[in-house]
Amino acid sequence: MISIFNDNTVDEHRMIGRYMADSGMLGDTPVPTIEPHIPEGAIVDSLSVLSGVTDAVFMPWIEQRIELIWLEPIDDRLGMTRFEEGSAELNRRRKLRLDPGVVTIGLHPALLEDEVLYKHTFVHEFLHAAGLTLHTSQHDELTNKVAPMPKMSESPLLQRLRNSVLGDLKVKSWTCSHCGYSWDRTTVRKPTRCYKCARPL
């Protein structure tokens, strides 16, 4: 998890994602007048890092099989991947390493506010579509090789999501029982050490 002394956006983003469920916090996002786009270099670079990855069973076909759509603004996911074949047929195709058929990647229109997070989210979903269907450390590592997640301090969208989550949390500040120092809450996760004396809370 994140340290109170760094900007490890990956873990903070995961925690924000948990709080986003059923929140509707992105519901005020305007419906785009343009179609979603594939970020420059995202597919070529993704296919490159997937070379030799045995779980990427759909890699030979996936570039021609994906369809991009916008998620509804009220959706609480930044991205999703949907295989149009049923689970039984999809499992058969995975086992036999066959064409997966049409795969839909949905992106939240709020991502238009942040091109770096847009690319990160697209690559995340594209790797799912290529066959890495589970959220594993390998999936995270490959995603960040192609499109690193922006730091919280560099992403207005992540900051907006974090601020929305923080506004809904009951605990608004922390106080160290050792030195008495108090500070306002600025992260979703509870800090493990005092900002001032660094002793465990």
Protein backbone atom coordinates (compact mmCIF):
# COMPACT_ATOMS: atom_id res chain seq x y z
CA MET A 1 0.00 0.00 0.00
CA ILE A 2 1.01 3.63 -0.24
CA SER A 3 3.40 5.33 2.09
CA ILE A 4 2.44 8.70 3.50
CA PHE A 5 5.78 9.96 2.20
CA ASN A 6 5.32 9.18 -1.50
CA ASP A 7 2.91 9.46 -4.42
CA ASN A 8 2.29 5.79 -5.21
CA THR A 9 -0.74 6.36 -7.39
CA VAL A 10 -1.25 2.69 -8.26
CA ASP A 11 -2.36 1.71 -4.76
CA GLU A 12 -4.29 4.93 -4.18
CA HIS A 13 -6.08 4.39 -7.50
CA ARG A 14 -7.05 0.85 -6.48
CA MET A 15 -8.54 2.14 -3.23
CA ILE A 16 -10.42 4.89 -5.05
CA GLY A 17 -11.78 2.22 -7.40
CA ARG A 18 -13.19 0.29 -4.44
CA TYR A 19 -14.97 3.39 -3.14
CA MET A 20 -16.29 4.25 -6.61
CA ALA A 21 -18.59 1.24 -6.76
CA ASP A 22 -22.23 2.40 -6.95
CA SER A 23 -21.19 5.96 -6.12
CA GLY A 24 -22.08 7.71 -9.37
CA MET A 25 -19.23 10.16 -8.72
CA LEU A 26 -18.53 10.55 -12.45
CA GLY A 27 -22.19 10.89 -13.40
CA ASP A 28 -21.89 14.58 -14.26
CA THR A 29 -19.45 13.86 -17.12
CA PRO A 30 -20.74 15.18 -20.46
CA VAL A 31 -21.55 12.63 -23.18
CA PRO A 32 -18.75 12.97 -25.78
CA THR A 33 -19.53 14.16 -29.29
CA ILE A 34 -16.52 12.25 -30.63
CA GLU A 35 -15.82 8.52 -30.81
CA PRO A 36 -13.27 6.93 -28.44
CA HIS A 37 -9.82 6.64 -30.00
CA ILE A 38 -6.91 4.21 -29.77
CA PRO A 39 -3.94 6.07 -28.25
CA GLU A 40 -0.91 6.39 -30.51
CA GLY A 41 1.41 3.41 -30.22
CA ALA A 42 -0.76 1.67 -27.63
CA ILE A 43 -1.51 -1.45 -29.66
CA VAL A 44 1.97 -1.88 -31.19
CA ASP A 45 3.65 -1.43 -27.80
CA SER A 46 1.14 -3.72 -26.07
CA LEU A 47 1.67 -6.50 -28.59
CA SER A 48 5.42 -6.07 -28.14
CA VAL A 49 5.35 -6.60 -24.36
CA LEU A 50 3.01 -9.57 -24.82
CA SER A 51 5.56 -11.41 -26.96
CA GLY A 52 6.26 -14.71 -25.22
CA VAL A 53 3.47 -14.27 -22.63
CA THR A 54 1.72 -17.64 -22.77
CA ASP A 55 -1.58 -16.40 -21.30
CA ALA A 56 -2.03 -13.90 -24.14
CA VAL A 57 -3.86 -16.55 -26.17
CA PHE A 58 -5.90 -14.09 -28.25
CA MET A 59 -2.94 -11.92 -29.29
CA PRO A 60 -2.86 -13.06 -32.96
CA TRP A 61 -6.41 -11.78 -33.57
CA ILE A 62 -7.11 -9.10 -31.01
CA GLU A 63 -6.02 -6.03 -32.99
CA GLN A 64 -8.74 -6.79 -35.56
CA ARG A 65 -11.38 -7.92 -33.03
CA ILE A 66 -11.66 -5.01 -30.61
CA GLU A 67 -14.48 -2.49 -30.75
CA LEU A 68 -14.28 0.72 -28.70
CA ILE A 69 -17.31 2.28 -27.03
CA TRP A 70 -17.96 4.95 -24.42
CA LEU A 71 -19.32 3.80 -21.08
CA GLU A 72 -22.33 5.68 -19.74
CA PRO A 73 -21.31 8.67 -17.58
CA ILE A 74 -23.10 7.09 -14.58
CA ASP A 75 -20.87 3.99 -14.88
CA ASP A 76 -18.42 3.76 -11.98
CA ARG A 77 -15.72 1.99 -13.99
CA LEU A 78 -12.99 3.80 -15.89
CA GLY A 79 -12.78 0.88 -18.30
CA MET A 80 -14.19 -2.56 -19.02
CA THR A 81 -13.60 -5.48 -21.40
CA ARG A 82 -16.45 -7.65 -22.64
CA PHE A 83 -16.09 -10.80 -24.72
CA GLU A 84 -19.22 -11.25 -26.82
CA GLU A 85 -18.99 -15.06 -26.74
CA GLY A 86 -20.49 -16.85 -23.72
CA SER A 87 -18.20 -18.07 -20.97
CA ALA A 88 -18.29 -21.74 -22.03
CA GLU A 89 -17.41 -20.92 -25.64
CA LEU A 90 -14.78 -18.42 -24.55
CA ASN A 91 -13.14 -21.03 -22.29
CA ARG A 92 -13.10 -23.46 -25.21
CA ARG A 93 -11.44 -20.87 -27.44
CA ARG A 94 -8.88 -20.05 -24.73
CA LYS A 95 -8.00 -23.71 -24.30
CA LEU A 96 -7.67 -24.31 -28.05
CA ARG A 97 -6.09 -20.88 -28.70
CA LEU A 98 -8.74 -19.87 -31.22
CA ASP A 99 -10.05 -16.52 -32.43
CA PRO A 100 -11.99 -14.93 -29.51
CA GLY A 101 -14.54 -13.19 -31.72
CA VAL A 102 -15.62 -9.62 -31.09
CA VAL A 103 -14.25 -8.03 -27.90
CA THR A 104 -15.70 -4.73 -26.70
CA ILE A 105 -13.56 -2.28 -24.75
CA GLY A 106 -15.51 0.42 -22.95
CA LEU A 107 -13.86 3.61 -21.69
CA HIS A 108 -15.36 6.22 -19.40
CA PRO A 109 -15.79 9.60 -21.14
CA ALA A 110 -14.20 11.32 -18.13
CA LEU A 111 -10.89 9.94 -19.40
CA LEU A 112 -10.94 12.64 -22.07
CA GLU A 113 -9.80 14.96 -19.26
CA ASP A 114 -6.54 13.02 -18.87
CA GLU A 115 -4.78 11.59 -21.94
CA VAL A 116 -2.15 9.76 -19.85
CA LEU A 117 -4.78 7.99 -17.74
CA TYR A 118 -6.82 7.36 -20.92
CA LYS A 119 -3.88 5.50 -22.47
CA HIS A 120 -3.17 3.60 -19.25
CA THR A 121 -6.80 2.49 -19.04
CA PHE A 122 -6.96 1.49 -22.71
CA VAL A 123 -3.79 -0.62 -22.41
CA HIS A 124 -5.10 -2.20 -19.20
CA GLU A 125 -8.25 -3.29 -21.03
CA PHE A 126 -6.42 -4.27 -24.22
CA LEU A 127 -4.23 -6.70 -22.26
CA HIS A 128 -7.40 -8.23 -20.81
CA ALA A 129 -8.76 -8.57 -24.34
CA ALA A 130 -5.53 -10.27 -25.47
CA GLY A 131 -6.12 -13.03 -22.92
CA LEU A 132 -4.77 -11.72 -19.60
CA THR A 133 -8.27 -11.74 -18.16
CA LEU A 134 -7.28 -11.72 -14.48
CA HIS A 135 -5.90 -8.82 -12.46
CA THR A 136 -2.45 -10.14 -11.63
CA SER A 137 0.89 -8.56 -10.83
CA GLN A 138 2.04 -9.55 -14.31
CA HIS A 139 -0.92 -7.73 -15.86
CA ASP A 140 -0.14 -4.61 -13.81
CA GLU A 141 3.57 -4.76 -14.68
CA LEU A 142 2.95 -5.10 -18.42
CA THR A 143 0.34 -2.33 -18.39
CA ASN A 144 2.75 0.06 -16.69
CA LYS A 145 5.56 -0.87 -19.09
CA VAL A 146 3.44 0.33 -22.01
CA ALA A 147 1.51 3.16 -20.36
CA PRO A 148 2.52 4.09 -16.82
CA MET A 149 -0.26 5.42 -14.64
CA PRO A 150 0.08 9.15 -14.01
CA LYS A 151 1.03 10.29 -10.55
CA MET A 152 -1.83 11.62 -8.48
CA SER A 153 -0.18 15.05 -8.50
CA GLU A 154 -0.18 15.04 -12.33
CA SER A 155 -3.72 13.80 -12.95
CA PRO A 156 -6.67 16.19 -12.50
CA LEU A 157 -9.10 13.30 -12.95
CA LEU A 158 -7.52 11.14 -10.24
CA GLN A 159 -7.42 14.17 -7.97
CA ARG A 160 -11.12 14.81 -8.60
CA LEU A 161 -11.96 11.18 -7.81
CA ARG A 162 -9.81 11.20 -4.68
CA ASN A 163 -11.35 14.45 -3.45
CA SER A 164 -14.83 13.08 -4.01
CA VAL A 165 -13.98 9.94 -2.04
CA LEU A 166 -12.34 11.93 0.76
CA GLY A 167 -15.42 14.15 1.01
CA ASP A 168 -17.57 11.08 1.70
CA LEU A 169 -15.31 9.53 4.35
CA LYS A 170 -16.13 10.01 8.01
CA VAL A 171 -12.55 10.53 9.23
CA LYS A 172 -11.37 13.96 8.01
CA SER A 173 -8.09 14.26 9.94
CA TRP A 174 -5.51 12.28 11.89
CA THR A 175 -3.88 12.94 15.27
CA CYS A 176 -0.69 11.28 16.49
CA SER A 177 -1.10 9.81 19.98
CA HIS A 178 2.66 10.14 20.56
CA CYS A 179 3.44 13.77 19.71
CA GLY A 180 -0.08 15.22 19.38
CA TYR A 181 0.47 16.47 15.81
CA SER A 182 -2.75 16.72 13.73
CA TRP A 183 -3.15 16.91 9.95
CA ASP A 184 -5.99 16.87 7.44
CA ARG A 185 -6.70 13.68 5.55
CA THR A 186 -5.32 13.82 1.99
CA THR A 187 -5.22 10.11 1.10
CA VAL A 188 -7.89 7.43 0.95
CA ARG A 189 -5.73 4.98 2.86
CA LYS A 190 -5.06 5.50 6.56
CA PRO A 191 -1.43 6.56 7.12
CA THR A 192 0.80 4.16 9.04
CA ARG A 193 3.12 6.79 10.54
CA CYS A 194 2.91 10.31 11.89
CA TYR A 195 3.82 13.04 9.42
CA LYS A 196 5.88 14.83 12.09
CA CYS A 197 7.56 12.26 14.35
CA ALA A 198 7.27 9.26 11.97
CA ARG A 199 6.25 6.94 14.80
CA PRO A 200 3.64 4.26 14.00
CA LEU A 201 0.05 5.35 14.51
